[in-house]
Protein backbone atom coordinates (compact mmCIF):
# COMPACT_ATOMS: atom_id res chain seq x y z
CA MET A 1 -108.27 2.76 26.36
CA SER A 2 -107.22 3.05 29.98
CA ASN A 3 -103.61 3.25 30.69
CA ILE A 4 -103.82 1.69 34.37
CA ASP A 5 -101.92 -1.60 35.25
CA PRO A 6 -104.37 -4.49 35.37
CA ILE A 7 -102.72 -5.90 38.23
CA ILE A 8 -103.23 -2.84 40.20
CA THR A 9 -106.98 -3.00 39.44
CA SER A 10 -107.01 -6.42 40.53
CA VAL A 11 -105.27 -5.58 43.74
CA LEU A 12 -107.44 -2.65 44.44
CA ASP A 13 -110.36 -4.98 43.51
CA ASN A 14 -109.59 -7.12 46.34
CA ARG A 15 -108.67 -4.62 48.40
CA PHE A 16 -111.93 -2.84 48.49
CA SER A 17 -113.95 -6.25 49.32
CA ALA A 18 -111.42 -6.78 52.39
CA ILE A 19 -112.16 -3.38 53.50
CA CYS A 20 -116.00 -4.55 53.19
CA SER A 21 -115.03 -7.65 55.48
CA GLU A 22 -112.76 -5.39 58.39
CA ILE A 23 -116.06 -3.41 58.30
CA GLY A 24 -118.25 -6.64 58.83
CA GLN A 25 -115.89 -7.52 61.91
CA THR A 26 -115.67 -4.89 62.98
CA MET A 27 -119.81 -5.04 63.82
CA LEU A 28 -119.29 -8.69 64.51
CA ARG A 29 -117.10 -8.02 67.59
CA THR A 30 -118.38 -4.82 69.18
CA SER A 31 -122.20 -5.06 69.01
CA ARG A 32 -124.35 -5.83 71.98
CA SER A 33 -127.05 -7.80 70.14
CA PRO A 34 -126.98 -11.58 69.43
CA ILE A 35 -128.35 -10.91 65.95
CA PHE A 36 -125.19 -8.97 65.02
CA SER A 37 -122.64 -10.91 67.24
CA GLU A 38 -123.73 -13.98 66.75
CA ALA A 39 -125.93 -14.33 63.47
CA ARG A 40 -124.02 -11.60 61.43
CA ASP A 41 -127.31 -10.26 60.31
CA PHE A 42 -125.99 -7.59 58.26
CA VAL A 43 -124.21 -6.11 55.26
CA SER A 44 -121.13 -3.71 54.38
CA ALA A 45 -120.43 -1.56 51.38
CA ILE A 46 -118.16 0.86 49.81
CA PHE A 47 -119.36 3.67 47.40
CA ASP A 48 -117.38 6.14 45.33
CA ARG A 49 -118.41 9.93 45.32
CA HIS A 50 -120.91 9.16 42.87
CA CYS A 51 -123.05 6.90 45.22
CA ARG A 52 -121.73 3.99 42.80
CA LEU A 53 -121.24 0.36 44.79
CA ILE A 54 -117.93 -0.34 44.49
CA ALA A 55 -118.31 -3.72 47.07
CA GLN A 56 -119.91 -5.27 49.54
CA LYS A 57 -119.80 -8.03 52.09
CA ASP A 58 -123.13 -9.79 51.65
CA TYR A 59 -123.71 -11.66 54.68
CA VAL A 60 -127.15 -11.51 54.70
CA PRO A 61 -128.11 -10.75 50.73
CA VAL A 62 -131.26 -9.57 50.41
CA LEU A 63 -129.82 -6.06 52.43
CA SER A 64 -127.04 -5.70 49.73
CA GLY A 65 -129.10 -4.82 46.71
CA ALA A 66 -131.43 -2.31 48.45
CA ALA A 67 -127.81 -0.64 49.81
CA PRO A 68 -127.23 1.50 46.90
CA PHE A 69 -130.84 3.02 47.25
CA ALA A 70 -130.23 4.04 51.11
CA LEU A 71 -127.18 6.21 50.03
CA LYS A 72 -128.80 7.99 47.40
CA ALA A 73 -131.67 8.67 49.52
CA ILE A 74 -129.38 10.23 52.07
CA ALA A 75 -127.00 12.15 49.66
CA GLN A 76 -130.04 13.39 47.76
CA HIS A 77 -131.58 14.60 51.00
CA PHE A 78 -128.44 16.31 52.21
CA GLY A 79 -127.12 17.77 49.41
CA GLY A 80 -124.71 20.65 49.90
CA ARG A 81 -124.86 20.07 53.85
CA ILE A 82 -122.41 16.97 53.62
CA TYR A 83 -119.27 17.72 56.04
CA GLU A 84 -116.12 15.95 57.16
CA GLY A 85 -116.82 14.17 60.10
CA ASP A 86 -120.77 13.72 59.31
CA ILE A 87 -122.17 10.08 59.94
CA PHE A 88 -126.01 9.88 58.48
CA VAL A 89 -128.65 7.08 59.55
CA LEU A 90 -131.69 6.03 58.11
CA ASN A 91 -134.54 3.10 58.29
CA ASP A 92 -137.27 4.77 56.62
CA PRO A 93 -138.58 1.94 54.14
CA TYR A 94 -140.17 5.14 52.28
CA ARG A 95 -137.07 7.03 52.11
CA GLY A 96 -134.60 4.38 50.26
CA ASN A 97 -134.05 1.77 52.87
CA ASN A 98 -135.79 -2.00 52.86
CA HIS A 99 -137.41 -2.39 55.98
CA PRO A 100 -137.15 -0.49 59.42
CA PRO A 101 -135.27 -3.29 61.27
CA ASP A 102 -132.45 -2.99 59.16
CA VAL A 103 -131.22 0.14 60.04
CA THR A 104 -128.16 2.05 57.54
CA VAL A 105 -125.26 4.10 59.28
CA VAL A 106 -123.19 5.44 56.73
CA LYS A 107 -120.20 8.32 56.52
CA PRO A 108 -118.76 10.20 53.65
CA VAL A 109 -115.26 9.80 53.28
CA PHE A 110 -112.92 13.15 52.62
CA TYR A 111 -109.50 13.51 51.22
CA LYS A 112 -108.07 17.00 50.94
CA GLY A 113 -111.44 18.61 51.50
CA GLU A 114 -113.19 16.71 48.96
CA LEU A 115 -116.00 13.64 49.15
CA VAL A 116 -114.53 10.73 47.82
CA PHE A 117 -116.04 7.92 49.09
CA TRP A 118 -118.81 6.61 51.26
CA SER A 119 -118.84 3.96 54.03
CA MET A 120 -121.55 2.09 55.24
CA ALA A 121 -122.43 -0.63 57.79
CA LYS A 122 -126.48 -1.66 58.04
CA GLY A 123 -127.82 -4.25 60.03
CA HIS A 124 -130.92 -5.54 61.61
CA HIS A 125 -131.76 -3.98 64.72
CA ALA A 126 -133.43 -6.12 67.71
CA ASP A 127 -135.75 -3.57 68.31
CA VAL A 128 -137.19 -0.61 66.25
CA GLY A 129 -139.98 0.60 68.39
CA GLY A 130 -143.57 0.17 67.05
CA GLY A 131 -145.57 -2.60 68.47
CA GLY A 132 -143.09 -5.50 67.43
CA VAL A 133 -140.85 -7.73 68.87
CA GLY A 134 -137.07 -8.28 67.72
CA GLY A 135 -138.52 -5.67 64.86
CA TYR A 136 -141.67 -7.98 63.89
CA ASN A 137 -144.99 -6.61 64.51
CA PRO A 138 -147.79 -9.44 63.07
CA LEU A 139 -150.49 -6.87 63.91
CA ALA A 140 -148.87 -3.85 62.12
CA THR A 141 -151.39 -2.55 59.51
CA ASP A 142 -149.61 0.66 59.12
CA ALA A 143 -145.97 2.21 58.89
CA TRP A 144 -146.59 3.69 62.38
CA THR A 145 -147.28 0.59 64.24
CA ASP A 146 -144.93 -1.53 62.53
CA ALA A 147 -141.79 0.27 63.62
CA PHE A 148 -140.37 4.03 64.74
CA ARG A 149 -139.28 5.13 61.31
CA ILE A 150 -135.99 7.09 60.88
CA PRO A 151 -135.83 9.70 57.71
CA PRO A 152 -132.20 10.69 56.70
CA VAL A 153 -130.40 12.47 59.84
CA LYS A 154 -127.27 12.81 61.20
CA LEU A 155 -126.04 11.43 64.14
CA TYR A 156 -122.58 13.42 64.13
CA GLU A 157 -122.50 16.42 62.31
CA LYS A 158 -118.62 17.42 61.80
CA GLY A 159 -117.42 15.20 64.23
CA ILE A 160 -120.15 16.46 67.00
CA LYS A 161 -122.28 13.94 68.32
CA GLN A 162 -125.86 15.29 67.52
CA GLN A 163 -127.02 14.29 71.27
CA ASP A 164 -130.91 15.56 70.26
CA ILE A 165 -131.25 13.05 67.50
CA TRP A 166 -129.75 10.12 69.92
CA ASP A 167 -132.28 10.64 72.41
CA MET A 168 -135.42 10.94 69.81
CA ILE A 169 -134.64 7.51 68.71
CA LEU A 170 -133.57 5.75 72.02
CA ILE A 171 -136.66 7.30 73.66
CA ASN A 172 -138.76 5.70 71.04
CA VAL A 173 -137.22 2.03 71.35
CA HIS A 174 -138.01 -0.55 74.03
CA ILE A 175 -134.43 -1.91 74.61
CA PRO A 176 -132.04 1.36 74.40
CA PHE A 177 -129.10 -0.03 75.59
CA LEU A 178 -128.94 -2.77 72.81
CA VAL A 179 -130.00 0.06 70.15
CA GLU A 180 -127.54 2.35 71.22
CA GLY A 181 -124.92 -0.08 71.60
CA ASP A 182 -125.00 -1.65 68.02
CA LEU A 183 -125.51 2.07 66.60
CA GLN A 184 -122.20 3.06 68.10
CA CYS A 185 -120.78 -0.58 66.98
CA GLN A 186 -122.02 0.63 63.40
CA VAL A 187 -120.44 4.20 63.72
CA GLY A 188 -117.10 2.45 64.35
CA ALA A 189 -117.60 0.07 61.55
CA THR A 190 -117.90 3.07 59.36
CA ASN A 191 -114.89 4.61 60.98
CA ILE A 192 -112.96 1.51 60.29
CA GLY A 193 -113.91 1.54 56.30
CA ALA A 194 -113.03 5.22 56.01
CA ARG A 195 -109.51 4.51 57.43
CA GLY A 196 -108.83 1.71 55.10
CA LEU A 197 -110.12 3.95 52.04
CA LEU A 198 -107.95 6.85 52.92
CA ASP A 199 -104.89 4.35 53.37
CA LEU A 200 -105.33 3.19 49.51
CA ILE A 201 -105.62 6.87 48.48
CA GLY A 202 -102.21 7.54 50.59
CA LYS A 203 -100.50 4.36 48.89
CA TYR A 204 -101.78 4.40 45.24
CA GLY A 205 -103.25 8.44 44.92
CA ILE A 206 -106.96 9.20 44.16
CA GLU A 207 -106.41 9.17 40.32
CA VAL A 208 -105.23 5.55 40.11
CA VAL A 209 -108.24 4.35 42.40
CA ASP A 210 -110.69 6.50 40.52
CA SER A 211 -109.25 5.02 37.10
CA ALA A 212 -109.66 1.61 38.71
CA ILE A 213 -113.17 2.09 40.04
CA ASP A 214 -114.55 2.69 36.49
CA GLU A 215 -111.98 -0.31 34.77
CA ILE A 216 -113.81 -2.64 37.46
CA PHE A 217 -117.32 -1.66 36.86
CA ASP A 218 -116.96 -1.87 32.89
CA ALA A 219 -115.15 -5.37 33.66
CA TYR A 220 -118.31 -6.55 35.63
CA GLU A 221 -120.65 -5.17 33.46
CA LYS A 222 -119.00 -7.24 30.93
CA ARG A 223 -118.88 -10.57 32.90
CA MET A 224 -122.55 -10.16 33.69
CA GLN A 225 -123.35 -9.62 30.15
CA THR A 226 -121.58 -12.87 29.19
CA GLU A 227 -123.65 -14.73 32.19
CA ILE A 228 -126.71 -13.26 30.59
CA GLN A 229 -126.07 -14.78 27.12
CA LYS A 230 -125.10 -18.34 28.60
CA ILE A 231 -129.65 -17.77 29.24
CA PRO A 232 -131.60 -18.69 26.01
CA ASN A 233 -133.68 -15.28 24.81
CA GLY A 234 -137.26 -15.89 25.68
CA THR A 235 -139.73 -14.89 28.07
CA TYR A 236 -140.11 -17.12 30.98
CA TYR A 237 -143.34 -16.93 33.60
CA ALA A 238 -143.42 -17.84 37.40
CA GLU A 239 -145.29 -17.40 40.55
CA ARG A 240 -144.93 -18.33 44.10
CA LYS A 241 -147.10 -17.77 47.21
CA ILE A 242 -146.66 -16.47 50.53
CA ASP A 243 -149.39 -17.80 53.64
CA HIS A 244 -150.95 -14.73 54.28
CA ASP A 245 -150.31 -11.15 55.82
CA GLY A 246 -150.93 -11.76 59.10
CA VAL A 247 -154.72 -9.37 58.67
CA ASP A 248 -156.35 -11.75 56.26
CA ASN A 249 -155.09 -15.15 57.40
CA ASN A 250 -157.25 -17.31 55.11
CA LYS A 251 -156.18 -15.58 51.74
CA LEU A 252 -152.67 -16.32 50.21
CA VAL A 253 -150.59 -13.89 48.60
CA THR A 254 -149.23 -14.01 45.16
CA ILE A 255 -146.11 -12.87 43.23
CA ARG A 256 -146.35 -13.01 39.26
CA LEU A 257 -143.01 -12.95 37.33
CA ALA A 258 -142.42 -12.39 33.42
CA LEU A 259 -138.54 -12.67 33.25
CA THR A 260 -137.08 -11.93 29.99
CA VAL A 261 -133.81 -12.87 28.60
CA SER A 262 -132.58 -10.43 25.67
CA ASN A 263 -129.01 -11.09 24.66
CA GLU A 264 -126.98 -9.28 27.20
CA GLU A 265 -129.83 -7.81 29.28
CA ILE A 266 -132.04 -9.33 31.76
CA VAL A 267 -135.70 -7.92 32.88
CA TYR A 268 -137.58 -9.13 35.99
CA ASP A 269 -141.15 -7.66 35.21
CA PHE A 270 -143.51 -8.33 38.34
CA THR A 271 -146.68 -6.80 36.63
CA GLY A 272 -149.73 -8.96 37.84
CA THR A 273 -148.39 -9.29 41.33
CA ASP A 274 -151.24 -8.94 44.11
CA ALA A 275 -152.08 -5.56 45.18
CA GLN A 276 -150.32 -4.33 48.23
CA VAL A 277 -151.98 -6.21 51.58
CA LYS A 278 -153.35 -4.62 55.11
CA GLY A 279 -150.13 -6.84 56.82
CA PHE A 280 -146.62 -6.56 57.01
CA LEU A 281 -145.55 -8.40 53.88
CA ASN A 282 -145.18 -5.65 51.41
CA SER A 283 -141.78 -4.97 49.59
CA PRO A 284 -140.35 -1.58 49.08
CA TYR A 285 -139.12 -1.30 46.00
CA PRO A 286 -135.50 -1.71 47.04
CA ASN A 287 -136.24 -4.56 48.63
CA THR A 288 -137.59 -6.05 45.51
CA VAL A 289 -134.75 -5.39 43.39
CA SER A 290 -132.34 -6.95 45.83
CA SER A 291 -134.52 -10.18 46.08
CA ALA A 292 -134.54 -10.21 42.25
CA TYR A 293 -130.69 -10.04 42.60
CA ILE A 294 -130.40 -13.11 45.28
CA SER A 295 -131.90 -15.32 41.97
CA LEU A 296 -129.92 -14.43 39.47
CA PHE A 297 -126.57 -14.04 41.30
CA SER A 298 -127.30 -17.40 42.97
CA THR A 299 -127.50 -19.07 39.45
CA ILE A 300 -124.64 -17.67 37.33
CA GLU A 301 -120.95 -17.69 37.81
CA ASN A 302 -120.24 -16.98 41.63
CA LYS A 303 -117.43 -14.92 40.93
CA VAL A 304 -119.32 -12.49 39.59
CA LYS A 305 -119.55 -9.64 42.44
CA ILE A 306 -122.71 -7.30 43.50
CA ASN A 307 -121.50 -4.02 42.03
CA GLU A 308 -122.14 -0.94 39.85
CA GLY A 309 -121.05 -2.73 36.87
CA SER A 310 -122.72 -6.22 37.19
CA ILE A 311 -126.16 -4.84 37.71
CA ARG A 312 -126.33 -2.29 35.05
CA PRO A 313 -127.69 -4.98 32.44
CA ILE A 314 -130.40 -5.95 34.95
CA SER A 315 -134.13 -4.24 35.41
CA VAL A 316 -136.75 -4.85 37.63
CA ILE A 317 -140.18 -3.63 36.73
CA ALA A 318 -142.69 -3.49 39.97
CA PRO A 319 -146.12 -1.36 39.52
CA GLU A 320 -146.60 1.09 42.23
CA GLY A 321 -149.39 0.23 44.51
CA THR A 322 -148.70 -3.67 44.19
CA LEU A 323 -147.20 -5.84 47.12
CA LEU A 324 -143.62 -5.38 45.79
CA ASN A 325 -143.81 -1.80 45.43
CA PRO A 326 -146.30 -0.57 47.59
CA ARG A 327 -147.64 3.03 48.35
CA GLU A 328 -146.97 4.70 51.92
CA PRO A 329 -147.99 4.19 54.59
CA ALA A 330 -148.58 0.24 54.08
CA PRO A 331 -146.24 -2.01 56.87
CA THR A 332 -143.15 -3.69 55.50
CA THR A 333 -140.87 -5.06 58.65
CA ALA A 334 -141.72 -8.96 56.78
CA CYS A 335 -140.53 -8.31 53.60
CA THR A 336 -137.24 -9.31 53.75
CA VAL A 337 -138.31 -13.06 54.61
CA PRO A 338 -141.37 -14.30 53.32
CA THR A 339 -141.65 -11.85 50.28
CA CYS A 340 -138.34 -12.15 49.53
CA GLU A 341 -138.28 -15.60 49.37
CA ALA A 342 -141.18 -15.84 47.34
CA ILE A 343 -139.94 -13.22 45.26
CA THR A 344 -136.19 -15.20 44.88
CA GLU A 345 -137.90 -18.65 44.49
CA ALA A 346 -140.15 -16.81 41.19
CA GLY A 347 -136.94 -16.10 39.94
CA TRP A 348 -135.34 -19.25 40.15
CA TYR A 349 -138.43 -21.26 38.91
CA ALA A 350 -138.54 -19.14 35.93
CA LEU A 351 -134.80 -19.68 35.07
CA ALA A 352 -134.94 -23.23 35.48
CA GLN A 353 -137.40 -23.20 32.34
CA ALA A 354 -134.08 -21.68 30.48
CA VAL A 355 -131.45 -23.46 32.15
CA PRO A 356 -132.21 -25.97 34.36
CA HIS A 357 -129.03 -26.95 34.86
CA LEU A 358 -127.85 -24.04 36.73
CA SER A 359 -131.26 -23.33 38.87
CA GLN A 360 -131.88 -24.72 41.97
CA ALA A 361 -135.10 -26.22 44.06
CA ALA A 362 -136.55 -24.03 46.67
CA TRP A 363 -134.96 -23.73 50.47
CA ASN A 364 -137.07 -23.97 53.22
CA ARG A 365 -138.59 -20.74 54.17
CA TRP A 366 -138.12 -18.75 57.49
CA ALA A 367 -141.12 -20.17 59.78
CA ALA A 368 -140.04 -19.24 63.44
CA PRO A 369 -140.33 -16.31 66.07
CA ALA A 370 -138.52 -13.24 67.11
CA SER A 371 -139.09 -13.24 70.96
CA GLY A 372 -138.86 -10.42 73.81
CA GLY A 373 -139.15 -9.48 76.94
CA PHE A 374 -137.52 -9.71 80.66
CA ASN A 375 -135.14 -12.10 81.33
CA PRO A 376 -134.63 -12.52 85.17
CA LYS A 377 -131.45 -14.59 84.84
CA THR A 378 -129.89 -11.10 83.38
CA GLY A 379 -132.37 -8.59 85.10
CA LYS A 380 -132.70 -6.96 81.68
CA LEU A 381 -134.76 -7.01 78.75
CA PHE A 382 -133.84 -8.80 75.56
CA GLY A 383 -134.78 -9.03 72.13
CA ASP A 384 -133.80 -11.91 69.74
CA ILE A 385 -134.56 -14.20 66.75
CA HIS A 386 -134.85 -17.70 66.87
CA PHE A 387 -131.81 -18.56 64.13
CA MET A 388 -131.60 -22.21 65.22
CA SER A 389 -134.84 -23.06 63.08
CA LYS A 390 -133.36 -22.42 60.12
CA GLY A 391 -133.93 -25.80 57.53
CA GLY A 392 -132.36 -26.93 54.14
CA GLY A 393 -131.05 -25.78 50.94
CA GLY A 394 -132.71 -26.76 47.64
CA ALA A 395 -130.80 -28.94 45.59
CA THR A 396 -128.95 -28.48 42.12
CA LYS A 397 -127.72 -30.58 39.06
CA GLY A 398 -124.84 -32.18 40.86
CA PHE A 399 -125.19 -31.33 44.19
CA ASP A 400 -127.65 -32.34 47.33
CA GLY A 401 -128.59 -29.10 49.10
CA TRP A 402 -127.01 -28.11 52.19
CA ASP A 403 -128.08 -28.66 55.80
CA HIS A 404 -129.65 -26.48 58.26
CA MET A 405 -128.64 -23.24 55.92
CA GLY A 406 -132.00 -21.55 55.29
CA THR A 407 -133.33 -19.08 54.61
CA VAL A 408 -133.05 -18.18 51.12
CA CYS A 409 -132.66 -14.46 51.78
CA THR A 410 -129.74 -15.29 53.50
CA LEU A 411 -128.14 -17.57 51.28
CA GLY A 412 -126.05 -19.33 54.06
CA GLY A 413 -124.48 -16.36 55.21
CA LEU A 414 -126.74 -16.53 58.46
CA ARG A 415 -125.45 -18.13 61.39
CA ALA A 416 -126.97 -20.06 64.10
CA PRO A 417 -126.09 -18.84 67.55
CA ASP A 418 -124.39 -21.06 70.01
CA PRO A 419 -126.87 -22.98 72.02
CA GLU A 420 -125.13 -21.98 75.37
CA LEU A 421 -124.81 -18.26 74.59
CA HIS A 422 -128.70 -18.20 73.40
CA GLU A 423 -129.35 -19.62 76.67
CA LEU A 424 -127.18 -17.26 78.50
CA VAL A 425 -128.80 -14.23 77.03
CA ASP A 426 -132.28 -15.57 76.54
CA PRO A 427 -134.99 -17.05 79.48
CA TYR A 428 -135.16 -20.34 76.99
CA LEU A 429 -133.75 -23.89 77.99
CA ILE A 430 -133.34 -25.88 74.56
CA LEU A 431 -134.55 -29.32 74.60
CA ASN A 432 -133.99 -30.45 71.28
CA TYR A 433 -131.57 -29.33 68.26
CA GLU A 434 -131.12 -32.13 65.76
CA TYR A 435 -130.97 -32.90 62.26
CA LEU A 436 -135.15 -34.14 61.08
CA SER A 437 -135.62 -37.57 59.27
CA ASP A 438 -137.69 -37.51 55.90
CA TYR A 439 -137.56 -33.78 56.08
CA SER A 440 -135.94 -33.18 52.56
CA GLY A 441 -137.39 -33.30 49.16
CA SER A 442 -136.28 -36.63 47.48
CA GLY A 443 -133.97 -36.49 44.32
CA GLN A 444 -131.42 -37.59 42.30
CA TRP A 445 -129.73 -35.32 44.08
CA ARG A 446 -131.68 -34.26 47.68
CA GLY A 447 -132.55 -31.31 49.15
CA GLY A 448 -130.56 -30.48 52.42
CA ASN A 449 -132.13 -31.48 55.97
CA GLY A 450 -134.38 -29.25 58.30
CA VAL A 451 -134.10 -29.18 62.10
CA HIS A 452 -136.47 -30.10 64.79
CA TYR A 453 -135.68 -27.13 67.39
CA ARG A 454 -137.66 -27.45 70.53
CA TRP A 455 -137.13 -25.15 73.90
CA LYS A 456 -138.73 -24.21 77.00
CA VAL A 457 -140.14 -20.83 77.86
CA MET A 458 -138.15 -19.89 81.31
CA ALA A 459 -139.79 -16.81 82.31
CA GLU A 460 -143.27 -14.96 82.37
CA ASN A 461 -144.68 -12.04 80.00
CA ILE A 462 -142.33 -13.14 76.65
CA ALA A 463 -143.92 -12.27 73.46
CA LEU A 464 -143.36 -14.37 70.19
CA ALA A 465 -143.79 -12.50 66.95
CA MET A 466 -144.28 -16.05 64.79
CA PHE A 467 -143.35 -14.11 61.29
CA GLY A 468 -142.55 -16.26 57.86
CA SER A 469 -144.27 -18.45 55.67
CA GLY A 470 -144.10 -22.11 54.35
CA VAL A 471 -146.75 -23.60 56.92
CA ARG A 472 -149.19 -24.48 54.07
CA ASP A 473 -148.74 -26.95 51.23
CA GLU A 474 -148.55 -24.40 48.57
CA THR A 475 -145.75 -22.60 50.11
CA ALA A 476 -143.34 -25.61 51.14
CA PRO A 477 -140.44 -25.94 49.06
CA PHE A 478 -140.62 -27.18 45.44
CA GLY A 479 -138.74 -29.62 43.23
CA LEU A 480 -137.15 -29.52 40.09
CA GLU A 481 -136.39 -31.67 37.09
CA GLY A 482 -138.20 -34.45 38.98
CA GLY A 483 -137.13 -34.05 42.07
CA MET A 484 -139.76 -33.86 45.02
CA PRO A 485 -140.87 -31.04 47.38
CA ALA A 486 -139.69 -31.10 50.98
CA PRO A 487 -142.73 -31.14 53.55
CA LYS A 488 -143.83 -27.85 54.79
CA THR A 489 -142.94 -26.63 58.10
CA SER A 490 -145.12 -27.18 61.53
CA GLN A 491 -145.02 -25.59 64.77
CA PHE A 492 -146.40 -26.03 67.91
CA LEU A 493 -147.00 -24.75 71.61
CA VAL A 494 -146.94 -27.70 73.83
CA LYS A 495 -148.54 -27.13 77.39
CA PRO A 496 -147.38 -28.93 80.37
CA ASP A 497 -149.98 -31.75 80.18
CA GLY A 498 -148.75 -32.44 76.87
CA ARG A 499 -151.50 -30.83 74.66
CA LYS A 500 -150.18 -29.81 71.32
CA VAL A 501 -151.55 -26.49 69.54
CA TRP A 502 -150.72 -25.64 65.91
CA LEU A 503 -148.98 -22.29 65.34
CA ASP A 504 -149.77 -20.35 62.52
CA VAL A 505 -147.28 -17.62 61.02
CA ASN A 506 -147.33 -14.29 61.07
CA CYS A 507 -149.18 -14.16 64.65
CA PHE A 508 -148.35 -13.18 68.01
CA VAL A 509 -147.88 -15.82 70.87
CA HIS A 510 -147.93 -15.18 74.47
CA PRO A 511 -146.41 -18.60 76.10
CA GLU A 512 -146.54 -19.06 79.63
CA LYS A 513 -143.66 -19.98 81.86
CA GLY A 514 -143.14 -24.15 81.18
CA ASP A 515 -144.71 -23.84 78.14
CA ILE A 516 -142.70 -25.63 74.83
CA ILE A 517 -142.50 -24.24 71.55
CA GLU A 518 -141.53 -27.04 69.09
CA ILE A 519 -140.52 -26.31 65.64
CA PHE A 520 -140.16 -28.91 62.82
CA SER A 521 -137.82 -26.48 60.16
CA SER A 522 -138.74 -28.16 56.07
CA GLY A 523 -135.58 -29.09 54.07
CA GLY A 524 -134.79 -27.88 50.44
CA GLY A 525 -136.55 -29.60 47.54
CA GLY A 526 -134.96 -32.02 45.62
CA PHE A 527 -133.53 -32.16 42.07
CA GLY A 528 -133.82 -35.02 39.77
CA ASN A 529 -135.72 -38.52 39.70
CA PRO A 530 -134.90 -39.90 43.23
CA LYS A 531 -134.59 -43.33 41.40
CA LEU A 532 -131.51 -42.34 39.68
CA ARG A 533 -129.81 -41.34 43.30
CA PRO A 534 -127.03 -44.25 43.31
CA VAL A 535 -127.89 -46.81 45.70
CA GLU A 536 -124.71 -46.20 48.14
CA LYS A 537 -126.28 -42.68 48.54
CA VAL A 538 -129.44 -43.78 49.69
CA ILE A 539 -128.04 -46.27 52.06
CA GLU A 540 -125.38 -43.81 53.58
CA ASP A 541 -128.87 -41.43 53.99
CA VAL A 542 -130.65 -44.09 55.99
CA GLU A 543 -127.62 -45.16 58.21
CA ASN A 544 -127.47 -41.51 59.01
CA GLU A 545 -131.24 -41.34 59.89
CA LEU A 546 -131.72 -38.40 57.33
CA ILE A 547 -134.19 -40.49 55.40
CA SER A 548 -136.12 -43.63 56.72
CA ILE A 549 -136.40 -47.31 55.37
CA GLU A 550 -139.90 -46.45 54.15
CA VAL A 551 -138.64 -43.57 52.22
CA ALA A 552 -135.96 -45.29 50.52
CA ARG A 553 -138.29 -47.50 49.35
CA ARG A 554 -141.12 -45.42 48.69
CA ASP A 555 -139.25 -42.17 46.81
CA TYR A 556 -135.83 -43.80 45.54
CA GLY A 557 -136.80 -47.35 44.73
CA VAL A 558 -134.13 -48.88 47.08
CA ALA A 559 -135.55 -51.99 49.23
CA ILE A 560 -133.84 -52.30 52.54
CA ASP A 561 -134.49 -55.29 54.82
CA PRO A 562 -135.28 -53.35 58.29
CA SER A 563 -133.99 -56.65 60.29
CA THR A 564 -130.81 -56.63 58.49
CA CYS A 565 -130.61 -53.08 56.69
CA GLN A 566 -128.98 -54.87 53.71
CA VAL A 567 -130.20 -54.02 50.35
CA ASP A 568 -132.63 -56.42 48.73
CA LEU A 569 -130.86 -56.04 45.22
CA GLU A 570 -133.36 -58.08 43.12
CA ALA A 571 -136.33 -55.71 44.60
CA THR A 572 -134.51 -52.56 44.43
CA LYS A 573 -133.99 -53.90 40.75
CA GLN A 574 -137.83 -54.40 40.05
CA LEU A 575 -138.69 -50.93 42.09
CA ARG A 576 -136.41 -48.87 39.88
CA GLU A 577 -137.28 -50.57 36.33
CA GLY A 578 -138.62 -48.16 33.95
CA ILE A 579 -136.96 -45.24 35.33
């Protein structure tokens, strides 16, 4: 039995989380790319000397479960050659990373000459070379056209900058000043993490800190086992589809899951999932594991943190050569978005069969571009992702879905940029940015609302990588327990003469100056029979123009006089009879 003070253990548990927040805040405030500084598309984490995950700040959850794989790959590669003052970098999806744009930077932390911790800053770079824009190349058919790959290497060795490595990285990207700035941002962030960890050792001593870490892991393992025990034993099946991989445009891709709960353990078995594809949807095993975690951790008690202890009872099976564990050199850059979404949805759908009161309807899927080119206003190249197109979250028992929250790979952690700042750094003029009426799934608890996002292109030679999913009926957000699905996303290129061209996902679009891009992002799926929704809630949604009078009548059984906006109680009673 441990003799460590439980109060000190609790204090250290929270302090570890705070250190991760300090790493993240450093990235947020020192980066050059709006993907970091505005959207927070990154994760920060700390590990012990054994590469066990102590804590993390999962601003974007799909990065969090993959972080331990990256660190272990670096530690294994440099075994015996890890020194005080080293800083490592990695982005290769076949060497422990999840996908190339999410570049991992880690710093070993030494105390009295001994390695005691690791500090990590991992985030999505605006440029990773290859033939893509913002990290995405819908035309990629292998890992080399996907992105520039970085195996485990040192950015600094014993405190000395490895300029040849920096030069090699920067010469292989299109926007080197952005990449260099964000790499330095990550280096600084890991230094902040190291400083916080050393302060803890100075205050409590290494023996106390080590003992507390073991206690924390054991406690969270027990908490996870308790949560799993709330799910009835059994095997639950689900499958979800992705629109296509960008190469075989007429072929939907299918993920199949058998989720088995056995007392205190849970197994995600993706055997039967489609084989790896030609295009960039392939999900390396670390990304698959991380996506499976999202479905579980978003269903159970939210105070269970992701760390070494809480993930011990979870197993993930993904046969090699399939979409969810591809063989090198399959392209992978889109795996963190459409593939992650489908994995998470399959997990939710399976869990809904066992604990429907805890699960949630599907969120909107991401369908919008990363874009890049030359901005004549700034005289510089730019790269960005259009995060203002986020749609709505799915409903769950007792709660409507959140508005403008997607995609599920972020679980609401991804921020939409400030429109004015967006127009300052990118050559675009925003014309519409507002909630959509009738774009959420109807239900006793309705899905969150999608958005109408419309902007004009103000420069020549712009490239749009339209990556994502959800523009087909088969991939629209599903409802649960009688709740209705949300409409699919629609996106268009609008020419100056008013002609509209429908835009598919996972393709390149090259608009001309003066063209308009218009996106109608789906909302989330509904939960429960819509006709059980309180009449006053339906009226409120109509008044706020979130649903129309027609939908109020058709889906919710609430009759509203369009001339007076008053409820016809008798007609409503008749519409709702036989619920």
